[in-house]
């Protein structure tokens, strides 16, 4: 009788692990993310200025789940609605302010753009010592929220009479890159998905980023532990698992040829995981930063021209290249 205990314990652990994995997989599924998103329950808009080509408004979206999304939306001053529209997700530090950065005019001239804040704020101290365990758990939930909230922003854009529902596209840079890949794979409404300066294989990518010499690096051993723990928690949100689901819609990657934050192997992993139609544009640059007006303008122009080629922006946007 005693000999059966190890077997019983093993079977019990197997059931628990299988249940945990099943729940994690459900959270990252289309139905799981749809449930997390809820229904669009409220919208608030406040004027917030503008630039030469767009007006800006502060936007708050409320979901039936109780979540709130703070964002900035820019609307073209010229042209005739309905317009194409984009959800643009930047790095965690910039958040919704990316909608107002100089250089974005090549897209903002032709399309409505909405950019949200992240559902979490992180600091280096959050990763130090045992803090990283609580931070990893918090980041996991926030990562699911971020992807679900992209769907809520698509709901909002699709509800506007000045938006072409068949010309909504997703753009995500840096940490926003995997988010738009996942959101675009589980939601069939976006006509194109465009990750910028991103890649796949979370464990190796995060390990490299944490060790990066110009970004307040962690020791190699600590970076490896942090990265693998984070990758384990975020396995259901590994972008290479989703990329193939974007086809037959359009997929474009834009990456820096000299990007020291995103290794070429990680770029290749994500691009190879996607199915045609897919393209990649290599830009002669380091990792893109929000104060690099000329680089942002060049990248925006390349994207606008690509979108015009595929009929997602007006033909004149091809001249932005």
C-alpha atoms as a PDB file:
ATOM      1  CA  UNK A   1       0.000   0.000   0.000  1.00  0.00           C
ATOM      2  CA  UNK A   2       2.845   2.384   0.878  1.00  0.00           C
ATOM      3  CA  UNK A   3       4.389   1.922  -2.560  1.00  0.00           C
ATOM      4  CA  UNK A   4       1.307   3.471  -4.129  1.00  0.00           C
ATOM      5  CA  UNK A   5       1.845   6.808  -2.415  1.00  0.00           C
ATOM      6  CA  UNK A   6       4.655   7.990  -4.720  1.00  0.00           C
ATOM      7  CA  UNK A   7       2.529   7.071  -7.714  1.00  0.00           C
ATOM      8  CA  UNK A   8      -0.498   8.871  -6.253  1.00  0.00           C
ATOM      9  CA  UNK A   9       1.578  11.979  -5.530  1.00  0.00           C
ATOM     10  CA  UNK A  10       3.038  11.897  -9.047  1.00  0.00           C
ATOM     11  CA  UNK A  11      -0.414  11.554 -10.580  1.00  0.00           C
ATOM     12  CA  UNK A  12      -1.689  14.402  -8.408  1.00  0.00           C
ATOM     13  CA  UNK A  13       1.157  16.678  -9.455  1.00  0.00           C
ATOM     14  CA  UNK A  14       0.572  15.738 -13.085  1.00  0.00           C
ATOM     15  CA  UNK A  15      -3.092  16.703 -12.816  1.00  0.00           C
ATOM     16  CA  UNK A  16      -2.209  20.011 -11.124  1.00  0.00           C
ATOM     17  CA  UNK A  17       0.430  20.857 -13.722  1.00  0.00           C
ATOM     18  CA  UNK A  18      -1.893  19.892 -16.565  1.00  0.00           C
ATOM     19  CA  UNK A  19      -4.641  22.051 -15.079  1.00  0.00           C
ATOM     20  CA  UNK A  20      -2.265  24.984 -14.618  1.00  0.00           C
ATOM     21  CA  UNK A  21      -0.999  24.666 -18.183  1.00  0.00           C
ATOM     22  CA  UNK A  22      -4.553  24.342 -19.484  1.00  0.00           C
ATOM     23  CA  UNK A  23      -5.633  27.490 -17.643  1.00  0.00           C
ATOM     24  CA  UNK A  24      -2.577  29.387 -18.871  1.00  0.00           C
ATOM     25  CA  UNK A  25      -3.299  28.292 -22.443  1.00  0.00           C
ATOM     26  CA  UNK A  26      -6.925  29.384 -22.097  1.00  0.00           C
ATOM     27  CA  UNK A  27      -5.848  32.821 -20.844  1.00  0.00           C
ATOM     28  CA  UNK A  28      -3.822  33.279 -24.026  1.00  0.00           C
ATOM     29  CA  UNK A  29      -6.572  31.985 -26.327  1.00  0.00           C
ATOM     30  CA  UNK A  30      -8.973  34.094 -28.370  1.00  0.00           C
ATOM     31  CA  UNK A  31     -11.878  33.259 -26.040  1.00  0.00           C
ATOM     32  CA  UNK A  32      -9.791  33.889 -22.918  1.00  0.00           C
ATOM     33  CA  UNK A  33      -8.609  37.281 -24.132  1.00  0.00           C
ATOM     34  CA  UNK A  34     -12.121  38.176 -25.333  1.00  0.00           C
ATOM     35  CA  UNK A  35     -13.457  37.482 -21.855  1.00  0.00           C
ATOM     36  CA  UNK A  36     -10.689  39.574 -20.326  1.00  0.00           C
ATOM     37  CA  UNK A  37     -11.487  42.422 -22.725  1.00  0.00           C
ATOM     38  CA  UNK A  38     -15.218  42.549 -22.023  1.00  0.00           C
ATOM     39  CA  UNK A  39     -17.498  44.990 -23.841  1.00  0.00           C
ATOM     40  CA  UNK A  40     -16.889  48.669 -24.499  1.00  0.00           C
ATOM     41  CA  UNK A  41     -18.973  50.286 -21.749  1.00  0.00           C
ATOM     42  CA  UNK A  42     -17.889  53.932 -21.780  1.00  0.00           C
ATOM     43  CA  UNK A  43     -15.918  56.518 -23.747  1.00  0.00           C
ATOM     44  CA  UNK A  44     -14.636  59.939 -22.667  1.00  0.00           C
ATOM     45  CA  UNK A  45     -12.856  62.393 -24.979  1.00  0.00           C
ATOM     46  CA  UNK A  46     -11.135  65.662 -24.076  1.00  0.00           C
ATOM     47  CA  UNK A  47      -9.404  68.050 -26.495  1.00  0.00           C
ATOM     48  CA  UNK A  48      -5.616  67.963 -26.151  1.00  0.00           C
ATOM     49  CA  UNK A  49      -4.211  70.183 -28.903  1.00  0.00           C
ATOM     50  CA  UNK A  50      -2.585  68.860 -32.034  1.00  0.00           C
ATOM     51  CA  UNK A  51       0.154  69.324 -34.618  1.00  0.00           C
ATOM     52  CA  UNK A  52       0.261  70.430 -38.254  1.00  0.00           C
ATOM     53  CA  UNK A  53      -1.497  67.323 -39.601  1.00  0.00           C
ATOM     54  CA  UNK A  54      -3.654  66.008 -36.717  1.00  0.00           C
ATOM     55  CA  UNK A  55      -5.826  67.010 -33.777  1.00  0.00           C
ATOM     56  CA  UNK A  56      -5.187  65.281 -30.431  1.00  0.00           C
ATOM     57  CA  UNK A  57      -7.656  64.146 -27.788  1.00  0.00           C
ATOM     58  CA  UNK A  58      -7.234  62.434 -24.442  1.00  0.00           C
ATOM     59  CA  UNK A  59      -9.272  59.247 -24.510  1.00  0.00           C
ATOM     60  CA  UNK A  60     -10.526  57.027 -21.690  1.00  0.00           C
ATOM     61  CA  UNK A  61     -12.192  53.721 -22.512  1.00  0.00           C
ATOM     62  CA  UNK A  62     -14.072  51.706 -19.913  1.00  0.00           C
ATOM     63  CA  UNK A  63     -14.744  48.003 -20.198  1.00  0.00           C
ATOM     64  CA  UNK A  64     -17.624  45.976 -18.782  1.00  0.00           C
ATOM     65  CA  UNK A  65     -14.944  44.117 -16.800  1.00  0.00           C
ATOM     66  CA  UNK A  66     -14.147  47.320 -14.876  1.00  0.00           C
ATOM     67  CA  UNK A  67     -10.848  48.005 -16.641  1.00  0.00           C
ATOM     68  CA  UNK A  68     -10.033  51.523 -17.850  1.00  0.00           C
ATOM     69  CA  UNK A  69      -7.695  52.368 -20.722  1.00  0.00           C
ATOM     70  CA  UNK A  70      -6.098  55.818 -20.905  1.00  0.00           C
ATOM     71  CA  UNK A  71      -4.983  56.768 -24.383  1.00  0.00           C
ATOM     72  CA  UNK A  72      -4.364  59.598 -26.815  1.00  0.00           C
ATOM     73  CA  UNK A  73      -6.067  59.636 -30.189  1.00  0.00           C
ATOM     74  CA  UNK A  74      -4.969  61.690 -33.180  1.00  0.00           C
ATOM     75  CA  UNK A  75      -7.300  62.433 -36.102  1.00  0.00           C
ATOM     76  CA  UNK A  76      -6.204  63.804 -39.512  1.00  0.00           C
ATOM     77  CA  UNK A  77      -7.015  67.468 -40.164  1.00  0.00           C
ATOM     78  CA  UNK A  78      -7.218  66.935 -43.931  1.00  0.00           C
ATOM     79  CA  UNK A  79      -8.731  64.274 -46.131  1.00  0.00           C
ATOM     80  CA  UNK A  80     -12.254  62.933 -46.166  1.00  0.00           C
ATOM     81  CA  UNK A  81     -13.539  60.428 -43.614  1.00  0.00           C
ATOM     82  CA  UNK A  82     -13.882  57.558 -43.104  1.00  0.00           C
ATOM     83  CA  UNK A  83     -10.141  57.154 -42.486  1.00  0.00           C
ATOM     84  CA  UNK A  84      -7.918  54.117 -42.001  1.00  0.00           C
ATOM     85  CA  UNK A  85      -7.077  53.652 -38.315  1.00  0.00           C
ATOM     86  CA  UNK A  86      -4.293  52.195 -36.195  1.00  0.00           C
ATOM     87  CA  UNK A  87      -3.656  51.047 -32.657  1.00  0.00           C
ATOM     88  CA  UNK A  88      -0.058  52.042 -31.886  1.00  0.00           C
ATOM     89  CA  UNK A  89       1.707  50.512 -28.849  1.00  0.00           C
ATOM     90  CA  UNK A  90       5.103  51.932 -27.882  1.00  0.00           C
ATOM     91  CA  UNK A  91       7.600  51.023 -25.183  1.00  0.00           C
ATOM     92  CA  UNK A  92       6.460  50.910 -21.566  1.00  0.00           C
ATOM     93  CA  UNK A  93       8.084  54.234 -20.646  1.00  0.00           C
ATOM     94  CA  UNK A  94       6.418  56.288 -23.390  1.00  0.00           C
ATOM     95  CA  UNK A  95       2.926  54.795 -23.392  1.00  0.00           C
ATOM     96  CA  UNK A  96       0.138  56.913 -24.864  1.00  0.00           C
ATOM     97  CA  UNK A  97       2.420  59.871 -25.559  1.00  0.00           C
ATOM     98  CA  UNK A  98       3.785  58.047 -28.610  1.00  0.00           C
ATOM     99  CA  UNK A  99       0.730  59.290 -30.529  1.00  0.00           C
ATOM    100  CA  UNK A 100       2.124  62.824 -30.299  1.00  0.00           C
ATOM    101  CA  UNK A 101       5.818  62.254 -31.080  1.00  0.00           C
ATOM    102  CA  UNK A 102       7.447  64.235 -33.858  1.00  0.00           C
ATOM    103  CA  UNK A 103       7.999  62.155 -36.984  1.00  0.00           C
ATOM    104  CA  UNK A 104       4.695  60.274 -36.857  1.00  0.00           C
ATOM    105  CA  UNK A 105       3.104  62.662 -39.369  1.00  0.00           C
ATOM    106  CA  UNK A 106       3.692  60.305 -42.307  1.00  0.00           C
ATOM    107  CA  UNK A 107       0.999  58.026 -40.859  1.00  0.00           C
ATOM    108  CA  UNK A 108      -1.017  60.591 -38.879  1.00  0.00           C
ATOM    109  CA  UNK A 109      -1.662  62.584 -42.033  1.00  0.00           C
ATOM    110  CA  UNK A 110      -3.808  59.754 -43.419  1.00  0.00           C
ATOM    111  CA  UNK A 111      -5.001  57.633 -40.466  1.00  0.00           C
ATOM    112  CA  UNK A 112      -6.603  57.936 -37.060  1.00  0.00           C
ATOM    113  CA  UNK A 113      -4.120  56.668 -34.465  1.00  0.00           C
ATOM    114  CA  UNK A 114      -4.884  55.635 -30.883  1.00  0.00           C
ATOM    115  CA  UNK A 115      -2.096  54.867 -28.388  1.00  0.00           C
ATOM    116  CA  UNK A 116      -2.667  53.611 -24.813  1.00  0.00           C
ATOM    117  CA  UNK A 117      -0.753  53.695 -21.583  1.00  0.00           C
ATOM    118  CA  UNK A 118       0.509  50.363 -20.280  1.00  0.00           C
ATOM    119  CA  UNK A 119      -1.558  48.740 -17.510  1.00  0.00           C
ATOM    120  CA  UNK A 120       1.588  48.560 -15.340  1.00  0.00           C
ATOM    121  CA  UNK A 121       4.572  50.745 -14.429  1.00  0.00           C
ATOM    122  CA  UNK A 122       7.922  49.124 -13.667  1.00  0.00           C
ATOM    123  CA  UNK A 123      11.197  50.315 -12.145  1.00  0.00           C
ATOM    124  CA  UNK A 124      14.594  48.656 -11.788  1.00  0.00           C
ATOM    125  CA  UNK A 125      14.035  48.087  -8.059  1.00  0.00           C
ATOM    126  CA  UNK A 126      11.048  45.892  -8.956  1.00  0.00           C
ATOM    127  CA  UNK A 127      13.512  43.317 -10.342  1.00  0.00           C
ATOM    128  CA  UNK A 128      15.988  43.384  -7.467  1.00  0.00           C
ATOM    129  CA  UNK A 129      16.245  40.637  -4.853  1.00  0.00           C
ATOM    130  CA  UNK A 130      13.070  38.651  -4.291  1.00  0.00           C
ATOM    131  CA  UNK A 131      10.982  41.542  -5.614  1.00  0.00           C
ATOM    132  CA  UNK A 132      11.231  39.978  -9.047  1.00  0.00           C
ATOM    133  CA  UNK A 133       8.868  37.144  -8.056  1.00  0.00           C
ATOM    134  CA  UNK A 134       6.000  39.519  -7.277  1.00  0.00           C
ATOM    135  CA  UNK A 135       6.927  41.687 -10.261  1.00  0.00           C
ATOM    136  CA  UNK A 136       6.852  38.718 -12.637  1.00  0.00           C
ATOM    137  CA  UNK A 137       3.400  37.683 -11.423  1.00  0.00           C
ATOM    138  CA  UNK A 138       2.149  41.272 -11.747  1.00  0.00           C
ATOM    139  CA  UNK A 139       3.679  41.636 -15.195  1.00  0.00           C
ATOM    140  CA  UNK A 140       2.037  38.415 -16.369  1.00  0.00           C
ATOM    141  CA  UNK A 141      -1.438  39.693 -15.585  1.00  0.00           C
ATOM    142  CA  UNK A 142      -0.639  43.082 -17.084  1.00  0.00           C
ATOM    143  CA  UNK A 143       0.643  41.466 -20.283  1.00  0.00           C
ATOM    144  CA  UNK A 144      -2.679  39.681 -20.742  1.00  0.00           C
ATOM    145  CA  UNK A 145      -4.470  42.965 -19.970  1.00  0.00           C
ATOM    146  CA  UNK A 146      -2.406  44.841 -22.560  1.00  0.00           C
ATOM    147  CA  UNK A 147      -3.301  42.371 -25.321  1.00  0.00           C
ATOM    148  CA  UNK A 148      -6.974  42.348 -24.302  1.00  0.00           C
ATOM    149  CA  UNK A 149      -7.047  46.153 -24.219  1.00  0.00           C
ATOM    150  CA  UNK A 150      -5.844  46.285 -27.816  1.00  0.00           C
ATOM    151  CA  UNK A 151      -9.061  44.467 -28.677  1.00  0.00           C
ATOM    152  CA  UNK A 152     -11.047  47.065 -26.714  1.00  0.00           C
ATOM    153  CA  UNK A 153      -9.394  49.849 -28.703  1.00  0.00           C
ATOM    154  CA  UNK A 154     -10.309  48.052 -31.932  1.00  0.00           C
ATOM    155  CA  UNK A 155     -13.904  47.902 -30.634  1.00  0.00           C
ATOM    156  CA  UNK A 156     -13.774  51.666 -30.113  1.00  0.00           C
ATOM    157  CA  UNK A 157     -12.276  52.448 -33.507  1.00  0.00           C
ATOM    158  CA  UNK A 158     -14.792  50.175 -35.238  1.00  0.00           C
ATOM    159  CA  UNK A 159     -17.609  52.079 -33.494  1.00  0.00           C
ATOM    160  CA  UNK A 160     -16.550  55.448 -34.916  1.00  0.00           C
ATOM    161  CA  UNK A 161     -18.340  56.539 -38.106  1.00  0.00           C
ATOM    162  CA  UNK A 162     -15.132  58.215 -39.358  1.00  0.00           C
ATOM    163  CA  UNK A 163     -13.163  54.912 -39.388  1.00  0.00           C
ATOM    164  CA  UNK A 164     -12.870  52.396 -42.225  1.00  0.00           C
ATOM    165  CA  UNK A 165     -13.419  49.105 -40.412  1.00  0.00           C
ATOM    166  CA  UNK A 166     -11.687  47.153 -43.179  1.00  0.00           C
ATOM    167  CA  UNK A 167      -8.550  49.308 -42.861  1.00  0.00           C
ATOM    168  CA  UNK A 168      -7.653  48.996 -39.188  1.00  0.00           C
ATOM    169  CA  UNK A 169      -4.046  47.965 -38.533  1.00  0.00           C
ATOM    170  CA  UNK A 170      -1.812  47.372 -35.511  1.00  0.00           C
ATOM    171  CA  UNK A 171       1.671  48.802 -34.922  1.00  0.00           C
ATOM    172  CA  UNK A 172       3.824  47.949 -31.901  1.00  0.00           C
ATOM    173  CA  UNK A 173       7.393  48.932 -31.107  1.00  0.00           C
ATOM    174  CA  UNK A 174       9.794  47.369 -28.616  1.00  0.00           C
ATOM    175  CA  UNK A 175       7.636  45.774 -25.855  1.00  0.00           C
ATOM    176  CA  UNK A 176       4.570  46.628 -27.914  1.00  0.00           C
ATOM    177  CA  UNK A 177       5.799  44.421 -30.770  1.00  0.00           C
ATOM    178  CA  UNK A 178       4.863  41.034 -29.253  1.00  0.00           C
ATOM    179  CA  UNK A 179       1.594  42.504 -27.948  1.00  0.00           C
ATOM    180  CA  UNK A 180       0.348  43.465 -31.419  1.00  0.00           C
ATOM    181  CA  UNK A 181       1.468  40.117 -32.880  1.00  0.00           C
ATOM    182  CA  UNK A 182      -0.633  38.252 -30.323  1.00  0.00           C
ATOM    183  CA  UNK A 183      -3.596  40.634 -30.553  1.00  0.00           C
ATOM    184  CA  UNK A 184      -3.518  40.497 -34.347  1.00  0.00           C
ATOM    185  CA  UNK A 185      -3.442  36.713 -34.355  1.00  0.00           C
ATOM    186  CA  UNK A 186      -6.428  36.194 -32.034  1.00  0.00           C
ATOM    187  CA  UNK A 187      -8.527  39.056 -33.472  1.00  0.00           C
ATOM    188  CA  UNK A 188      -9.255  38.787 -37.202  1.00  0.00           C
ATOM    189  CA  UNK A 189     -10.336  42.414 -37.646  1.00  0.00           C
ATOM    190  CA  UNK A 190      -6.917  44.064 -38.162  1.00  0.00           C
ATOM    191  CA  UNK A 191      -5.998  44.065 -41.853  1.00  0.00           C
ATOM    192  CA  UNK A 192      -2.265  44.241 -41.073  1.00  0.00           C
ATOM    193  CA  UNK A 193       0.076  43.718 -38.129  1.00  0.00           C
ATOM    194  CA  UNK A 194       3.376  45.611 -37.914  1.00  0.00           C
ATOM    195  CA  UNK A 195       5.871  44.865 -35.105  1.00  0.00           C
ATOM    196  CA  UNK A 196       8.779  47.325 -34.945  1.00  0.00           C
ATOM    197  CA  UNK A 197      12.189  46.618 -33.433  1.00  0.00           C
ATOM    198  CA  UNK A 198      10.973  43.372 -31.851  1.00  0.00           C
ATOM    199  CA  UNK A 199      11.613  39.652 -31.980  1.00  0.00           C
ATOM    200  CA  UNK A 200      10.637  36.229 -30.667  1.00  0.00           C
ATOM    201  CA  UNK A 201      11.909  33.731 -28.082  1.00  0.00           C
ATOM    202  CA  UNK A 202      11.240  35.679 -24.889  1.00  0.00           C
ATOM    203  CA  UNK A 203      13.840  33.956 -22.689  1.00  0.00           C
ATOM    204  CA  UNK A 204      16.882  34.705 -24.853  1.00  0.00           C
ATOM    205  CA  UNK A 205      15.578  38.145 -25.822  1.00  0.00           C
ATOM    206  CA  UNK A 206      14.997  39.275 -22.234  1.00  0.00           C
ATOM    207  CA  UNK A 207      18.318  37.777 -21.090  1.00  0.00           C
ATOM    208  CA  UNK A 208      20.131  39.797 -23.745  1.00  0.00           C
ATOM    209  CA  UNK A 209      18.206  42.987 -22.917  1.00  0.00           C
ATOM    210  CA  UNK A 210      18.890  42.741 -19.179  1.00  0.00           C
ATOM    211  CA  UNK A 211      22.618  42.295 -19.850  1.00  0.00           C
ATOM    212  CA  UNK A 212      22.806  45.147 -22.329  1.00  0.00           C
ATOM    213  CA  UNK A 213      25.691  47.367 -21.341  1.00  0.00           C
ATOM    214  CA  UNK A 214      24.027  50.699 -22.040  1.00  0.00           C
ATOM    215  CA  UNK A 215      20.795  49.915 -20.185  1.00  0.00           C
ATOM    216  CA  UNK A 216      21.842  49.678 -16.495  1.00  0.00           C
ATOM    217  CA  UNK A 217      22.715  45.987 -16.903  1.00  0.00           C
ATOM    218  CA  UNK A 218      22.144  43.110 -14.498  1.00  0.00           C
ATOM    219  CA  UNK A 219      24.885  40.522 -13.842  1.00  0.00           C
ATOM    220  CA  UNK A 220      24.741  37.647 -16.332  1.00  0.00           C
ATOM    221  CA  UNK A 221      23.578  35.069 -13.753  1.00  0.00           C
ATOM    222  CA  UNK A 222      20.804  37.331 -12.469  1.00  0.00           C
ATOM    223  CA  UNK A 223      19.707  38.274 -15.971  1.00  0.00           C
ATOM    224  CA  UNK A 224      19.446  34.599 -16.938  1.00  0.00           C
ATOM    225  CA  UNK A 225      17.348  33.740 -13.860  1.00  0.00           C
ATOM    226  CA  UNK A 226      15.066  36.747 -14.317  1.00  0.00           C
ATOM    227  CA  UNK A 227      14.609  36.096 -18.022  1.00  0.00           C
ATOM    228  CA  UNK A 228      13.823  32.386 -17.694  1.00  0.00           C
ATOM    229  CA  UNK A 229      11.423  32.995 -14.818  1.00  0.00           C
ATOM    230  CA  UNK A 230       9.686  35.693 -16.849  1.00  0.00           C
ATOM    231  CA  UNK A 231       9.591  33.474 -19.943  1.00  0.00           C
ATOM    232  CA  UNK A 232       8.034  30.644 -17.910  1.00  0.00           C
ATOM    233  CA  UNK A 233       5.312  32.963 -16.612  1.00  0.00           C
ATOM    234  CA  UNK A 234       4.715  34.432 -20.081  1.00  0.00           C
ATOM    235  CA  UNK A 235       4.867  31.199 -22.104  1.00  0.00           C
ATOM    236  CA  UNK A 236       1.237  31.595 -23.254  1.00  0.00           C
ATOM    237  CA  UNK A 237       2.241  35.001 -24.670  1.00  0.00           C
ATOM    238  CA  UNK A 238       5.303  33.921 -26.657  1.00  0.00           C
ATOM    239  CA  UNK A 239       4.788  35.740 -30.009  1.00  0.00           C
ATOM    240  CA  UNK A 240       6.268  32.950 -32.135  1.00  0.00           C
ATOM    241  CA  UNK A 241       3.336  30.765 -31.021  1.00  0.00           C
ATOM    242  CA  UNK A 242       0.874  33.235 -32.547  1.00  0.00           C
ATOM    243  CA  UNK A 243       2.551  34.785 -35.596  1.00  0.00           C
ATOM    244  CA  UNK A 244       1.312  32.177 -38.080  1.00  0.00           C
ATOM    245  CA  UNK A 245      -2.284  33.014 -37.140  1.00  0.00           C
ATOM    246  CA  UNK A 246      -2.061  36.469 -38.736  1.00  0.00           C
ATOM    247  CA  UNK A 247      -2.076  35.023 -42.281  1.00  0.00           C
ATOM    248  CA  UNK A 248      -3.642  35.500 -44.768  1.00  0.00           C
ATOM    249  CA  UNK A 249      -3.619  39.115 -43.563  1.00  0.00           C
ATOM    250  CA  UNK A 250      -0.515  41.245 -44.070  1.00  0.00           C
ATOM    251  CA  UNK A 251       2.492  41.088 -41.753  1.00  0.00           C
ATOM    252  CA  UNK A 252       5.403  43.537 -41.759  1.00  0.00           C
ATOM    253  CA  UNK A 253       8.440  43.632 -39.495  1.00  0.00           C
ATOM    254  CA  UNK A 254      10.666  46.699 -39.275  1.00  0.00           C
ATOM    255  CA  UNK A 255      14.007  46.251 -37.527  1.00  0.00           C
ATOM    256  CA  UNK A 256      17.259  48.103 -37.036  1.00  0.00           C
ATOM    257  CA  UNK A 257      20.244  46.573 -38.798  1.00  0.00           C
ATOM    258  CA  UNK A 258      22.461  47.788 -35.937  1.00  0.00           C
ATOM    259  CA  UNK A 259      20.005  47.188 -33.083  1.00  0.00           C
ATOM    260  CA  UNK A 260      22.056  46.029 -30.087  1.00  0.00           C
ATOM    261  CA  UNK A 261      18.926  45.343 -27.995  1.00  0.00           C
ATOM    262  CA  UNK A 262      17.232  42.894 -30.388  1.00  0.00           C
ATOM    263  CA  UNK A 263      19.626  40.181 -31.671  1.00  0.00           C
ATOM    264  CA  UNK A 264      19.242  39.035 -35.276  1.00  0.00           C
ATOM    265  CA  UNK A 265      18.403  35.491 -34.131  1.00  0.00           C
ATOM    266  CA  UNK A 266      15.347  36.785 -32.267  1.00  0.00           C
ATOM    267  CA  UNK A 267      14.228  38.830 -35.268  1.00  0.00           C
ATOM    268  CA  UNK A 268      14.581  35.761 -37.491  1.00  0.00           C
ATOM    269  CA  UNK A 269      12.663  33.607 -34.993  1.00  0.00           C
ATOM    270  CA  UNK A 270       9.594  35.849 -35.185  1.00  0.00           C
ATOM    271  CA  UNK A 271       9.770  36.400 -38.948  1.00  0.00           C
ATOM    272  CA  UNK A 272      10.195  32.678 -39.638  1.00  0.00           C
ATOM    273  CA  UNK A 273       7.229  31.876 -37.390  1.00  0.00           C
ATOM    274  CA  UNK A 274       4.931  34.063 -39.501  1.00  0.00           C
ATOM    275  CA  UNK A 275       3.382  32.853 -42.754  1.00  0.00           C
ATOM    276  CA  UNK A 276       3.048  34.730 -46.051  1.00  0.00           C
ATOM    277  CA  UNK A 277       2.117  37.362 -46.948  1.00  0.00           C
ATOM    278  CA  UNK A 278       4.980  38.793 -44.903  1.00  0.00           C
ATOM    279  CA  UNK A 279       7.728  41.365 -45.413  1.00  0.00           C
ATOM    280  CA  UNK A 280      10.645  42.728 -43.438  1.00  0.00           C
ATOM    281  CA  UNK A 281      12.295  46.139 -43.760  1.00  0.00           C
ATOM    282  CA  UNK A 282      15.800  46.628 -42.385  1.00  0.00           C
ATOM    283  CA  UNK A 283      16.570  50.190 -41.317  1.00  0.00           C
ATOM    284  CA  UNK A 284      20.200  51.330 -40.850  1.00  0.00           C
ATOM    285  CA  UNK A 285      19.800  52.241 -37.181  1.00  0.00           C
ATOM    286  CA  UNK A 286      20.216  51.274 -33.535  1.00  0.00           C
ATOM    287  CA  UNK A 287      17.139  50.575 -31.376  1.00  0.00           C
ATOM    288  CA  UNK A 288      14.596  53.324 -32.010  1.00  0.00           C
ATOM    289  CA  UNK A 289      14.113  55.954 -29.285  1.00  0.00           C
ATOM    290  CA  UNK A 290      11.207  58.435 -28.879  1.00  0.00           C
ATOM    291  CA  UNK A 291      13.394  61.535 -29.286  1.00  0.00           C
ATOM    292  CA  UNK A 292      14.812  60.470 -32.668  1.00  0.00           C
ATOM    293  CA  UNK A 293      12.583  62.574 -34.904  1.00  0.00           C
ATOM    294  CA  UNK A 294      14.423  61.847 -38.150  1.00  0.00           C
ATOM    295  CA  UNK A 295      14.497  58.084 -37.556  1.00  0.00           C
ATOM    296  CA  UNK A 296      10.835  58.004 -36.501  1.00  0.00           C
ATOM    297  CA  UNK A 297       9.993  60.006 -39.617  1.00  0.00           C
ATOM    298  CA  UNK A 298      11.914  57.600 -41.844  1.00  0.00           C
ATOM    299  CA  UNK A 299      10.344  54.504 -40.259  1.00  0.00           C
ATOM    300  CA  UNK A 300       6.862  56.052 -40.406  1.00  0.00           C
ATOM    301  CA  UNK A 301       7.406  56.919 -44.054  1.00  0.00           C
ATOM    302  CA  UNK A 302       8.470  53.360 -44.898  1.00  0.00           C
ATOM    303  CA  UNK A 303       5.417  51.973 -43.104  1.00  0.00           C
ATOM    304  CA  UNK A 304       3.072  54.472 -44.783  1.00  0.00           C
ATOM    305  CA  UNK A 305       4.424  53.542 -48.207  1.00  0.00           C
ATOM    306  CA  UNK A 306       4.060  49.818 -47.466  1.00  0.00           C
ATOM    307  CA  UNK A 307       0.501  50.333 -46.258  1.00  0.00           C
ATOM    308  CA  UNK A 308      -0.318  52.324 -49.402  1.00  0.00           C
ATOM    309  CA  UNK A 309       1.088  49.506 -51.552  1.00  0.00           C
ATOM    310  CA  UNK A 310      -1.407  47.142 -49.916  1.00  0.00           C
ATOM    311  CA  UNK A 311      -4.329  49.557 -50.193  1.00  0.00           C
ATOM    312  CA  UNK A 312      -4.507  50.331 -46.473  1.00  0.00           C
ATOM    313  CA  UNK A 313      -3.554  54.009 -46.858  1.00  0.00           C
ATOM    314  CA  UNK A 314      -4.326  56.360 -49.767  1.00  0.00           C
ATOM    315  CA  UNK A 315      -2.085  56.027 -52.820  1.00  0.00           C
ATOM    316  CA  UNK A 316      -0.391  59.366 -52.108  1.00  0.00           C
ATOM    317  CA  UNK A 317       1.065  57.889 -48.898  1.00  0.00           C
ATOM    318  CA  UNK A 318       3.477  55.928 -51.114  1.00  0.00           C
ATOM    319  CA  UNK A 319       5.386  59.208 -51.599  1.00  0.00           C
ATOM    320  CA  UNK A 320       6.230  59.236 -47.865  1.00  0.00           C
ATOM    321  CA  UNK A 321       8.914  56.597 -48.436  1.00  0.00           C
END
